[in-house]
Protein backbone atom coordinates (compact mmCIF):
# COMPACT_ATOMS: atom_id res chain seq x y z
CA UNK A 1 17.22 9.91 -29.87
CA UNK A 2 15.64 11.84 -32.74
CA UNK A 3 15.85 10.32 -36.19
CA UNK A 4 14.69 11.43 -39.62
CA UNK A 5 13.34 8.78 -41.98
CA UNK A 6 15.40 8.41 -45.17
CA UNK A 7 13.75 5.35 -46.75
CA UNK A 8 10.18 4.05 -46.36
CA UNK A 9 9.87 1.23 -43.82
CA UNK A 10 7.24 -0.60 -41.79
CA UNK A 11 7.03 -0.64 -38.01
CA UNK A 12 8.58 -3.82 -36.63
CA UNK A 13 6.01 -4.28 -33.87
CA UNK A 14 2.67 -3.68 -35.60
CA UNK A 15 3.68 -4.35 -39.23
CA UNK A 16 0.97 -1.91 -40.38
CA UNK A 17 2.40 1.54 -39.73
CA UNK A 18 4.54 2.84 -42.59
CA UNK A 19 7.09 5.58 -41.96
CA UNK A 20 7.56 7.95 -44.91
CA UNK A 21 10.76 9.88 -45.75
CA UNK A 22 11.29 13.18 -43.88
CA UNK A 23 9.22 11.99 -40.87
CA UNK A 24 10.85 12.86 -37.55
CA UNK A 25 10.88 9.98 -35.05
CA UNK A 26 11.71 9.95 -31.33
CA UNK A 27 13.16 6.50 -30.66
CA UNK A 28 13.46 5.62 -26.96
CA UNK A 29 15.30 2.31 -27.44
CA UNK A 30 18.92 3.13 -28.30
CA UNK A 31 19.54 -0.30 -29.87
CA UNK A 32 16.54 0.10 -32.17
CA UNK A 33 17.66 3.61 -33.15
CA UNK A 34 21.16 2.36 -33.96
CA UNK A 35 19.70 -0.49 -36.04
CA UNK A 36 17.52 1.90 -38.09
CA UNK A 37 20.55 4.11 -38.80
CA UNK A 38 22.81 1.12 -39.58
CA UNK A 39 20.31 -0.24 -42.13
CA UNK A 40 20.04 3.16 -43.85
CA UNK A 41 16.37 3.64 -43.00
CA UNK A 42 16.99 6.71 -40.82
CA UNK A 43 19.64 9.24 -39.93
CA UNK A 44 20.24 11.06 -36.66
CA UNK A 45 18.30 14.34 -36.53
CA UNK A 46 19.81 17.37 -34.82
CA UNK A 47 17.13 19.93 -35.74
CA UNK A 48 14.58 21.54 -33.46
CA UNK A 49 11.48 20.20 -35.19
CA UNK A 50 9.29 18.12 -32.85
CA UNK A 51 9.03 14.39 -33.44
CA UNK A 52 5.87 13.29 -35.26
CA UNK A 53 6.06 9.78 -33.78
CA UNK A 54 7.60 8.26 -30.65
CA UNK A 55 8.79 4.68 -30.89
CA UNK A 56 9.23 2.30 -27.95
CA UNK A 57 10.23 2.82 -24.38
CA UNK A 58 13.58 3.17 -22.69
CA UNK A 59 15.32 -0.21 -22.76
CA UNK A 60 15.14 -1.62 -19.22
CA UNK A 61 18.40 -2.55 -17.51
CA UNK A 62 16.78 -5.76 -16.26
CA UNK A 63 13.56 -7.46 -17.22
CA UNK A 64 11.02 -7.29 -14.37
CA UNK A 65 9.87 -10.66 -13.07
CA UNK A 66 6.25 -11.58 -13.59
CA UNK A 67 4.13 -12.00 -10.49
CA UNK A 68 3.16 -15.63 -9.84
CA UNK A 69 -0.42 -16.55 -10.62
CA UNK A 70 -2.75 -16.55 -7.65
CA UNK A 71 -3.76 -19.97 -6.42
CA UNK A 72 -7.44 -20.91 -6.36
CA UNK A 73 -8.75 -18.60 -9.08
CA UNK A 74 -11.98 -16.71 -8.85
CA UNK A 75 -14.02 -19.34 -10.69
CA UNK A 76 -14.59 -23.00 -9.82
CA UNK A 77 -12.16 -25.40 -11.47
CA UNK A 78 -14.84 -26.96 -13.66
CA UNK A 79 -15.93 -23.54 -14.90
CA UNK A 80 -19.49 -24.14 -13.71
CA UNK A 81 -21.56 -22.44 -11.10
CA UNK A 82 -20.91 -22.71 -7.40
CA UNK A 83 -21.94 -26.08 -6.02
CA UNK A 84 -23.95 -26.53 -2.79
CA UNK A 85 -20.84 -27.74 -1.00
CA UNK A 86 -19.27 -24.37 -1.80
CA UNK A 87 -22.06 -22.38 -0.19
CA UNK A 88 -24.91 -22.47 -2.70
CA UNK A 89 -28.48 -23.33 -1.77
CA UNK A 90 -29.39 -26.97 -1.47
CA UNK A 91 -31.88 -28.13 -4.09
CA UNK A 92 -34.57 -30.75 -3.35
CA UNK A 93 -32.77 -33.34 -5.51
CA UNK A 94 -29.58 -32.90 -3.47
CA UNK A 95 -30.95 -33.67 -0.02
CA UNK A 96 -33.67 -31.12 0.56
CA UNK A 97 -37.10 -32.06 1.89
CA UNK A 98 -38.33 -33.49 -1.41
CA UNK A 99 -35.41 -35.89 -1.53
CA UNK A 100 -36.38 -37.90 1.57
CA UNK A 101 -36.16 -41.64 1.03
CA UNK A 102 -39.36 -43.17 -0.20
CA UNK A 103 -40.59 -45.83 2.09
CA UNK A 104 -43.80 -47.58 3.01
CA UNK A 105 -46.25 -45.05 4.36
CA UNK A 106 -48.38 -46.41 7.20
């Protein structure tokens, strides 16, 4: 729905953008458009002038469900590097040749 701004107002989603009077808006969400008109911030625009700004998306009939998070994320649970048990190289301190038990040499 095309609207023309009648009174200055701020965007409700980013709180930074300011819409000045005489700006043509294309509002995709019918409820939002009706609210702007009801509050006297905009009026319905029937002219042929192109919209300067497009607000929102079409209101979905149903909210899409979020996909469940994948189990066993890409990083180890402790956030560290891959341990030898997970396929890394074995270091001397963890059982390599240098880690043989020290005993009496004869």
